[in-house]
Amino acid sequence: MASMKRPRLSAVEPLTGYRLKMTFINGDVFIVDKRESIFSKQGLAPLRDPVVFEKAQIIPGEGWTVTWEDFDIQIGADTLWLDAFDQSAPYDNTLSIAM
């Protein structure tokens, strides 16, 4: 994976099921599921409407956030980058707890 000084988006595509397909400026492509945060955070409540969620976009030439302009909602590219890595990390069940 190529590195970036700061995660920045070149494209975003809203998908069904409250998922975002994101292309970063280094060419990495991730799909991140935002359902949990949309339904647990009151500030994101407008995005629960699938028609509203589908209006996700980036500001051309910037790429620092995914925005829903009608509702003044933004999610930073750095947050989405971390979400993508968190969601794509393999489950590690090797942790053992000493009793």
N, C-alpha and C. Protein backbone atom coordinates (compact mmCIF):
# COMPACT_ATOMS: atom_id res chain seq x y z
N MET A 1 0.84 -1.16 0.00
CA MET A 1 0.00 0.00 0.00
C MET A 1 0.89 1.23 0.00
N ALA A 2 0.59 2.17 -0.87
CA ALA A 2 1.34 3.41 -0.94
C ALA A 2 0.97 4.29 0.24
N SER A 3 1.89 5.11 0.66
CA SER A 3 1.62 5.95 1.82
C SER A 3 1.18 7.35 1.37
N MET A 4 0.52 8.02 2.29
CA MET A 4 0.12 9.40 2.09
C MET A 4 0.47 10.15 3.36
N LYS A 5 0.79 11.42 3.23
CA LYS A 5 1.04 12.22 4.43
C LYS A 5 -0.25 12.33 5.24
N ARG A 6 -1.34 12.59 4.57
CA ARG A 6 -2.67 12.64 5.18
C ARG A 6 -3.65 12.01 4.21
N PRO A 7 -4.55 11.17 4.71
CA PRO A 7 -5.53 10.57 3.80
C PRO A 7 -6.36 11.63 3.09
N ARG A 8 -6.49 11.44 1.81
CA ARG A 8 -7.26 12.37 0.99
C ARG A 8 -7.98 11.58 -0.08
N LEU A 9 -9.22 11.92 -0.34
CA LEU A 9 -10.06 11.19 -1.28
C LEU A 9 -10.02 11.79 -2.68
N SER A 10 -10.05 10.90 -3.67
CA SER A 10 -10.22 11.37 -5.05
C SER A 10 -11.63 11.09 -5.55
N ALA A 11 -12.34 10.14 -4.89
CA ALA A 11 -13.71 9.82 -5.29
C ALA A 11 -14.42 9.11 -4.14
N VAL A 12 -15.74 9.26 -4.12
CA VAL A 12 -16.58 8.52 -3.18
C VAL A 12 -17.85 8.11 -3.92
N GLU A 13 -18.31 6.91 -3.64
CA GLU A 13 -19.54 6.40 -4.24
C GLU A 13 -20.38 5.79 -3.13
N PRO A 14 -21.57 6.36 -2.86
CA PRO A 14 -22.44 5.76 -1.86
C PRO A 14 -23.02 4.45 -2.41
N LEU A 15 -23.04 3.43 -1.55
CA LEU A 15 -23.58 2.13 -1.91
C LEU A 15 -24.76 1.81 -1.00
N THR A 16 -25.53 0.79 -1.36
CA THR A 16 -26.63 0.38 -0.50
C THR A 16 -26.10 -0.11 0.84
N GLY A 17 -26.97 -0.11 1.83
CA GLY A 17 -26.58 -0.61 3.14
C GLY A 17 -25.69 0.34 3.91
N TYR A 18 -25.76 1.64 3.61
CA TYR A 18 -24.98 2.67 4.32
C TYR A 18 -23.48 2.44 4.20
N ARG A 19 -23.06 2.02 3.01
CA ARG A 19 -21.64 1.80 2.75
C ARG A 19 -21.14 2.87 1.78
N LEU A 20 -19.86 3.19 1.91
CA LEU A 20 -19.20 4.13 1.00
C LEU A 20 -18.03 3.44 0.33
N LYS A 21 -17.98 3.53 -0.99
CA LYS A 21 -16.81 3.07 -1.73
C LYS A 21 -15.94 4.30 -1.94
N MET A 22 -14.73 4.22 -1.40
CA MET A 22 -13.86 5.39 -1.41
C MET A 22 -12.56 5.09 -2.16
N THR A 23 -12.16 6.02 -3.00
CA THR A 23 -10.88 5.94 -3.68
C THR A 23 -10.02 7.07 -3.14
N PHE A 24 -8.86 6.71 -2.61
CA PHE A 24 -7.93 7.70 -2.06
C PHE A 24 -6.93 8.11 -3.13
N ILE A 25 -6.27 9.24 -2.91
CA ILE A 25 -5.39 9.79 -3.94
C ILE A 25 -4.20 8.89 -4.25
N ASN A 26 -3.88 7.95 -3.36
CA ASN A 26 -2.79 7.03 -3.64
C ASN A 26 -3.26 5.80 -4.40
N GLY A 27 -4.55 5.75 -4.76
CA GLY A 27 -5.10 4.64 -5.53
C GLY A 27 -5.77 3.56 -4.71
N ASP A 28 -5.62 3.60 -3.38
CA ASP A 28 -6.28 2.61 -2.53
C ASP A 28 -7.79 2.79 -2.62
N VAL A 29 -8.50 1.66 -2.70
CA VAL A 29 -9.96 1.66 -2.75
C VAL A 29 -10.47 0.82 -1.59
N PHE A 30 -11.39 1.38 -0.83
CA PHE A 30 -11.98 0.68 0.30
C PHE A 30 -13.49 0.87 0.28
N ILE A 31 -14.17 -0.10 0.84
CA ILE A 31 -15.60 0.05 1.12
C ILE A 31 -15.74 0.02 2.63
N VAL A 32 -16.38 1.05 3.16
CA VAL A 32 -16.56 1.15 4.60
C VAL A 32 -18.06 1.18 4.92
N ASP A 33 -18.43 0.44 5.94
CA ASP A 33 -19.82 0.36 6.39
C ASP A 33 -20.02 1.40 7.49
N LYS A 34 -20.89 2.36 7.25
CA LYS A 34 -21.15 3.43 8.22
C LYS A 34 -22.46 3.23 8.98
N ARG A 35 -23.12 2.08 8.79
CA ARG A 35 -24.42 1.84 9.43
C ARG A 35 -24.37 2.06 10.95
N GLU A 36 -23.40 1.47 11.61
CA GLU A 36 -23.35 1.56 13.07
C GLU A 36 -23.28 3.00 13.56
N SER A 37 -22.39 3.79 12.98
CA SER A 37 -22.27 5.17 13.45
C SER A 37 -23.48 6.02 13.05
N ILE A 38 -24.06 5.76 11.90
CA ILE A 38 -25.24 6.52 11.48
C ILE A 38 -26.41 6.29 12.42
N PHE A 39 -26.55 5.07 12.90
CA PHE A 39 -27.68 4.76 13.78
C PHE A 39 -27.37 4.95 15.27
N SER A 40 -26.11 5.21 15.61
CA SER A 40 -25.79 5.42 17.02
C SER A 40 -25.46 6.87 17.36
N LYS A 41 -25.18 7.69 16.36
CA LYS A 41 -24.81 9.08 16.61
C LYS A 41 -25.91 10.01 16.13
N GLN A 42 -26.47 10.75 17.07
CA GLN A 42 -27.61 11.62 16.76
C GLN A 42 -27.29 12.64 15.66
N GLY A 43 -26.07 13.13 15.64
CA GLY A 43 -25.69 14.12 14.62
C GLY A 43 -25.73 13.59 13.20
N LEU A 44 -25.69 12.26 13.06
CA LEU A 44 -25.74 11.65 11.73
C LEU A 44 -27.14 11.14 11.38
N ALA A 45 -28.13 11.40 12.22
CA ALA A 45 -29.49 10.90 12.03
C ALA A 45 -30.07 11.18 10.64
N PRO A 46 -29.84 12.35 10.04
CA PRO A 46 -30.41 12.58 8.70
C PRO A 46 -29.94 11.54 7.67
N LEU A 47 -28.77 10.96 7.88
CA LEU A 47 -28.23 9.99 6.91
C LEU A 47 -28.94 8.65 6.98
N ARG A 48 -29.81 8.45 7.95
CA ARG A 48 -30.57 7.20 8.04
C ARG A 48 -31.53 7.05 6.87
N ASP A 49 -31.90 8.14 6.27
CA ASP A 49 -32.74 8.11 5.07
C ASP A 49 -31.84 7.74 3.90
N PRO A 50 -32.08 6.59 3.26
CA PRO A 50 -31.21 6.16 2.15
C PRO A 50 -31.10 7.18 1.03
N VAL A 51 -32.16 7.94 0.78
CA VAL A 51 -32.11 8.96 -0.28
C VAL A 51 -31.11 10.06 0.09
N VAL A 52 -31.07 10.42 1.36
CA VAL A 52 -30.11 11.42 1.83
C VAL A 52 -28.70 10.84 1.77
N PHE A 53 -28.53 9.60 2.27
CA PHE A 53 -27.20 8.99 2.28
C PHE A 53 -26.59 8.95 0.87
N GLU A 54 -27.42 8.70 -0.14
CA GLU A 54 -26.95 8.61 -1.53
C GLU A 54 -26.38 9.92 -2.06
N LYS A 55 -26.57 11.01 -1.34
CA LYS A 55 -26.06 12.31 -1.79
C LYS A 55 -24.63 12.58 -1.32
N ALA A 56 -23.96 11.56 -0.78
CA ALA A 56 -22.57 11.71 -0.34
C ALA A 56 -21.71 12.16 -1.51
N GLN A 57 -20.81 13.10 -1.23
CA GLN A 57 -19.91 13.59 -2.27
C GLN A 57 -18.65 14.15 -1.63
N ILE A 58 -17.65 14.35 -2.44
CA ILE A 58 -16.47 15.11 -2.01
C ILE A 58 -16.50 16.42 -2.76
N ILE A 59 -15.89 17.42 -2.19
CA ILE A 59 -15.79 18.70 -2.88
C ILE A 59 -14.69 18.56 -3.92
N PRO A 60 -15.01 18.74 -5.20
CA PRO A 60 -14.01 18.57 -6.25
C PRO A 60 -12.75 19.39 -5.98
N GLY A 61 -11.62 18.74 -6.15
CA GLY A 61 -10.34 19.40 -5.96
C GLY A 61 -9.86 19.44 -4.52
N GLU A 62 -10.68 18.96 -3.60
CA GLU A 62 -10.27 18.96 -2.20
C GLU A 62 -10.06 17.53 -1.70
N GLY A 63 -11.13 16.82 -1.37
CA GLY A 63 -11.01 15.43 -0.94
C GLY A 63 -10.73 15.22 0.53
N TRP A 64 -10.84 16.26 1.34
CA TRP A 64 -10.55 16.11 2.76
C TRP A 64 -11.72 15.53 3.54
N THR A 65 -12.93 15.61 2.98
CA THR A 65 -14.11 15.09 3.66
C THR A 65 -15.09 14.51 2.66
N VAL A 66 -15.96 13.62 3.19
CA VAL A 66 -17.18 13.25 2.49
C VAL A 66 -18.24 14.14 3.10
N THR A 67 -19.04 14.75 2.27
CA THR A 67 -20.00 15.74 2.76
C THR A 67 -21.40 15.46 2.24
N TRP A 68 -22.35 15.84 3.06
CA TRP A 68 -23.76 15.87 2.70
C TRP A 68 -24.17 17.32 2.92
N GLU A 69 -24.04 18.12 1.87
CA GLU A 69 -24.16 19.57 1.98
C GLU A 69 -25.51 20.04 2.50
N ASP A 70 -26.60 19.37 2.10
CA ASP A 70 -27.93 19.81 2.52
C ASP A 70 -28.12 19.77 4.03
N PHE A 71 -27.31 18.96 4.71
CA PHE A 71 -27.46 18.79 6.15
C PHE A 71 -26.22 19.24 6.92
N ASP A 72 -25.27 19.84 6.23
CA ASP A 72 -24.03 20.32 6.85
C ASP A 72 -23.35 19.21 7.67
N ILE A 73 -23.27 18.03 7.06
CA ILE A 73 -22.61 16.88 7.68
C ILE A 73 -21.37 16.55 6.89
N GLN A 74 -20.25 16.38 7.60
CA GLN A 74 -19.00 15.98 6.98
C GLN A 74 -18.36 14.87 7.81
N ILE A 75 -17.74 13.93 7.11
CA ILE A 75 -16.92 12.91 7.77
C ILE A 75 -15.54 13.01 7.13
N GLY A 76 -14.53 13.22 7.95
CA GLY A 76 -13.18 13.45 7.46
C GLY A 76 -12.56 12.23 6.79
N ALA A 77 -11.74 12.49 5.79
CA ALA A 77 -11.05 11.41 5.08
C ALA A 77 -10.17 10.60 6.02
N ASP A 78 -9.58 11.27 7.01
CA ASP A 78 -8.73 10.54 7.96
C ASP A 78 -9.56 9.57 8.80
N THR A 79 -10.76 9.99 9.22
CA THR A 79 -11.65 9.10 9.96
C THR A 79 -12.07 7.92 9.10
N LEU A 80 -12.41 8.18 7.85
CA LEU A 80 -12.83 7.11 6.95
C LEU A 80 -11.69 6.14 6.66
N TRP A 81 -10.47 6.66 6.53
CA TRP A 81 -9.28 5.84 6.32
C TRP A 81 -9.11 4.87 7.50
N LEU A 82 -9.22 5.41 8.72
CA LEU A 82 -9.09 4.56 9.92
C LEU A 82 -10.24 3.55 10.00
N ASP A 83 -11.45 3.97 9.67
CA ASP A 83 -12.59 3.04 9.65
C ASP A 83 -12.35 1.90 8.67
N ALA A 84 -11.82 2.23 7.51
CA ALA A 84 -11.57 1.22 6.48
C ALA A 84 -10.56 0.19 6.98
N PHE A 85 -9.50 0.65 7.61
CA PHE A 85 -8.50 -0.29 8.12
C PHE A 85 -9.04 -1.11 9.27
N ASP A 86 -9.83 -0.48 10.12
CA ASP A 86 -10.44 -1.20 11.23
C ASP A 86 -11.38 -2.29 10.72
N GLN A 87 -12.18 -1.97 9.73
CA GLN A 87 -13.15 -2.94 9.20
C GLN A 87 -12.50 -4.02 8.34
N SER A 88 -11.34 -3.74 7.78
CA SER A 88 -10.69 -4.74 6.91
C SER A 88 -9.66 -5.58 7.65
N ALA A 89 -9.41 -5.25 8.92
CA ALA A 89 -8.43 -6.01 9.70
C ALA A 89 -8.95 -7.41 9.97
N PRO A 90 -8.10 -8.42 9.82
CA PRO A 90 -8.54 -9.79 10.11
C PRO A 90 -8.83 -9.94 11.60
N TYR A 91 -9.81 -10.74 11.89
CA TYR A 91 -10.15 -11.01 13.28
C TYR A 91 -9.04 -11.85 13.89
N ASP A 92 -8.53 -11.41 15.02
CA ASP A 92 -7.44 -12.13 15.69
C ASP A 92 -7.98 -12.75 16.96
N ASN A 93 -8.19 -14.05 16.92
CA ASN A 93 -8.73 -14.72 18.09
C ASN A 93 -7.63 -15.44 18.87
N THR A 94 -6.40 -14.98 18.71
CA THR A 94 -5.28 -15.61 19.40
C THR A 94 -5.05 -15.03 20.79
N LEU A 95 -5.78 -14.00 21.13
CA LEU A 95 -5.62 -13.38 22.44
C LEU A 95 -6.10 -14.34 23.52
N SER A 96 -5.24 -14.61 24.46
CA SER A 96 -5.64 -15.47 25.56
C SER A 96 -5.53 -14.68 26.85
N ILE A 97 -6.44 -14.92 27.72
CA ILE A 97 -6.48 -14.21 28.98
C ILE A 97 -6.08 -15.18 30.07
N ALA A 98 -5.06 -14.81 30.83
CA ALA A 98 -4.60 -15.68 31.92
C ALA A 98 -5.61 -15.60 33.06
N MET A 99 -5.91 -16.73 33.60
CA MET A 99 -6.85 -16.78 34.73
C MET A 99 -6.10 -17.05 36.00
